[in-house]
Amino acid sequence: MRKAVWAYAGVLLAFLVLDGLWLGVLMSSTYRELLGPLMLAQPKWGPAVAFYLLYVSGVVFFVVLPALGRGSARRAAVSGAFFGLVAYGTYDMTNWATLQGWSAQLALMDMAWGGLLTCLASLSGYWTARKLAV
């Protein structure tokens, strides 16, 4: 149980910091340009918080805990990247298929980010649990 709690904390912290930098600093103007009127002036915080809490739970359950069981940081990284690609791909491909104004460029960029972000957050959760859950 301690490993799961520390893994969750490590994944959540990395995810929030990295995604905050990505969305708020590095790519905010790009998203505004690509999404135009689809984007809200201010995000709806309730659904955003629910997404982060749920997604991090999935990363811990499906990626980090199995990697800890095998003692493999590589497993955490590879599985995390794949989990992120699948999860973000589901969202982006559905939006690309159903929403006017959702471009291939946006879908591919966001899927690549989801894979990288989840890989790094998974590694953070893996190493946090390994070092602090003794």
Protein backbone atom coordinates (compact mmCIF):
# COMPACT_ATOMS: atom_id res chain seq x y z
CA MET A 1 0.00 0.00 0.00
CA ARG A 2 2.84 2.41 0.82
CA LYS A 3 4.37 1.80 -2.60
CA ALA A 4 1.10 2.65 -4.30
CA VAL A 5 0.73 5.88 -2.31
CA TRP A 6 4.29 6.98 -3.04
CA ALA A 7 3.95 5.96 -6.67
CA TYR A 8 0.75 8.02 -6.93
CA ALA A 9 2.45 11.04 -5.37
CA GLY A 10 5.43 10.75 -7.71
CA VAL A 11 3.31 10.36 -10.82
CA LEU A 12 0.94 13.17 -9.85
CA LEU A 13 3.68 15.66 -9.04
CA ALA A 14 5.59 15.00 -12.27
CA PHE A 15 2.41 15.02 -14.33
CA LEU A 16 1.19 18.33 -12.91
CA VAL A 17 4.54 20.09 -13.22
CA LEU A 18 5.30 18.84 -16.75
CA ASP A 19 1.78 19.26 -18.11
CA GLY A 20 1.53 22.69 -16.48
CA LEU A 21 4.71 23.78 -18.25
CA TRP A 22 3.53 22.26 -21.53
CA LEU A 23 0.02 23.73 -21.48
CA GLY A 24 0.69 26.99 -19.69
CA VAL A 25 4.09 28.05 -20.98
CA LEU A 26 5.43 26.14 -23.96
CA MET A 27 2.33 25.44 -26.04
CA SER A 28 -0.44 27.81 -24.92
CA SER A 29 -0.23 29.99 -28.04
CA THR A 30 -0.01 26.94 -30.31
CA TYR A 31 -3.14 25.41 -28.78
CA ARG A 32 -4.95 28.77 -29.07
CA GLU A 33 -3.93 28.98 -32.72
CA LEU A 34 -4.93 25.39 -33.54
CA LEU A 35 -8.15 25.25 -31.51
CA GLY A 36 -9.36 28.81 -31.96
CA PRO A 37 -12.96 29.22 -30.80
CA LEU A 38 -13.10 25.68 -29.38
CA MET A 39 -10.91 26.77 -26.48
CA LEU A 40 -12.46 28.25 -23.33
CA ALA A 41 -11.06 31.49 -21.92
CA GLN A 42 -10.62 29.68 -18.58
CA PRO A 43 -10.52 25.92 -18.08
CA LYS A 44 -13.27 24.15 -16.13
CA TRP A 45 -11.30 23.08 -13.07
CA GLY A 46 -13.65 20.32 -11.87
CA PRO A 47 -13.28 18.13 -14.98
CA ALA A 48 -9.56 18.95 -15.15
CA VAL A 49 -8.97 17.81 -11.57
CA ALA A 50 -11.08 14.69 -12.18
CA PHE A 51 -9.02 13.87 -15.28
CA TYR A 52 -5.68 14.19 -13.46
CA LEU A 53 -6.79 12.13 -10.47
CA LEU A 54 -8.28 9.39 -12.65
CA TYR A 55 -5.44 9.31 -15.19
CA VAL A 56 -2.76 9.14 -12.50
CA SER A 57 -4.67 6.25 -10.90
CA GLY A 58 -4.55 4.41 -14.23
CA VAL A 59 -0.84 5.06 -14.64
CA VAL A 60 -0.10 3.76 -11.14
CA PHE A 61 -2.31 0.68 -11.50
CA PHE A 62 -1.44 -0.33 -15.07
CA VAL A 63 2.15 0.89 -15.35
CA VAL A 64 4.02 1.72 -12.16
CA LEU A 65 2.92 -1.09 -9.83
CA PRO A 66 3.66 -3.82 -12.41
CA ALA A 67 7.06 -2.21 -13.10
CA LEU A 68 7.81 -2.13 -9.36
CA GLY A 69 6.85 -5.80 -9.14
CA ARG A 70 9.45 -6.59 -11.76
CA GLY A 71 12.00 -4.13 -10.43
CA SER A 72 12.28 -2.55 -13.86
CA ALA A 73 12.53 1.18 -14.55
CA ARG A 74 12.68 0.32 -18.24
CA ARG A 75 9.30 -1.40 -17.94
CA ALA A 76 7.89 1.73 -16.29
CA ALA A 77 9.23 3.93 -19.09
CA VAL A 78 8.13 1.75 -22.02
CA SER A 79 4.74 0.86 -20.56
CA GLY A 80 4.18 4.47 -19.56
CA ALA A 81 4.94 5.72 -23.05
CA PHE A 82 2.58 3.14 -24.56
CA PHE A 83 -0.17 3.84 -22.02
CA GLY A 84 0.09 7.57 -22.75
CA LEU A 85 0.04 7.02 -26.50
CA VAL A 86 -3.07 4.83 -26.24
CA ALA A 87 -4.92 7.11 -23.82
CA TYR A 88 -4.11 10.34 -25.61
CA GLY A 89 -4.60 8.62 -28.96
CA THR A 90 -8.11 7.57 -27.97
CA TYR A 91 -8.96 11.16 -27.12
CA ASP A 92 -7.22 12.77 -30.08
CA MET A 93 -8.31 10.33 -32.76
CA THR A 94 -11.92 10.52 -31.57
CA ASN A 95 -11.78 14.31 -31.64
CA TRP A 96 -10.13 14.30 -35.07
CA ALA A 97 -12.83 11.97 -36.37
CA THR A 98 -15.78 13.89 -34.90
CA LEU A 99 -14.92 17.55 -34.35
CA GLN A 100 -14.62 20.23 -36.94
CA GLY A 101 -11.30 22.02 -36.54
CA TRP A 102 -9.41 19.16 -34.87
CA SER A 103 -6.44 18.65 -37.16
CA ALA A 104 -4.01 15.82 -37.80
CA GLN A 105 -1.24 18.15 -36.62
CA LEU A 106 -2.96 18.69 -33.29
CA ALA A 107 -3.76 14.99 -32.84
CA LEU A 108 -0.23 13.81 -33.58
CA MET A 109 1.42 16.51 -31.48
CA ASP A 110 -0.84 15.80 -28.52
CA MET A 111 -0.38 12.02 -28.82
CA ALA A 112 3.40 12.41 -28.86
CA TRP A 113 3.17 14.63 -25.78
CA GLY A 114 0.90 12.14 -24.01
CA GLY A 115 3.39 9.35 -24.63
CA LEU A 116 6.39 11.36 -23.44
CA LEU A 117 4.58 12.88 -20.46
CA THR A 118 3.27 9.54 -19.25
CA CYS A 119 6.68 7.92 -19.72
CA LEU A 120 8.35 10.58 -17.57
CA ALA A 121 5.59 10.63 -14.96
CA SER A 122 5.73 6.82 -14.74
CA LEU A 123 9.45 6.94 -14.13
CA SER A 124 8.91 9.57 -11.46
CA GLY A 125 6.34 7.37 -9.72
CA TYR A 126 8.56 4.32 -10.05
CA TRP A 127 11.63 6.00 -8.54
CA THR A 128 9.62 7.79 -5.83
CA ALA A 129 8.11 4.49 -4.67
CA ARG A 130 11.47 2.68 -4.86
CA LYS A 131 13.26 5.31 -2.78
CA LEU A 132 10.59 6.34 -0.27
CA ALA A 133 8.41 3.27 0.31
CA VAL A 134 10.75 1.26 2.49
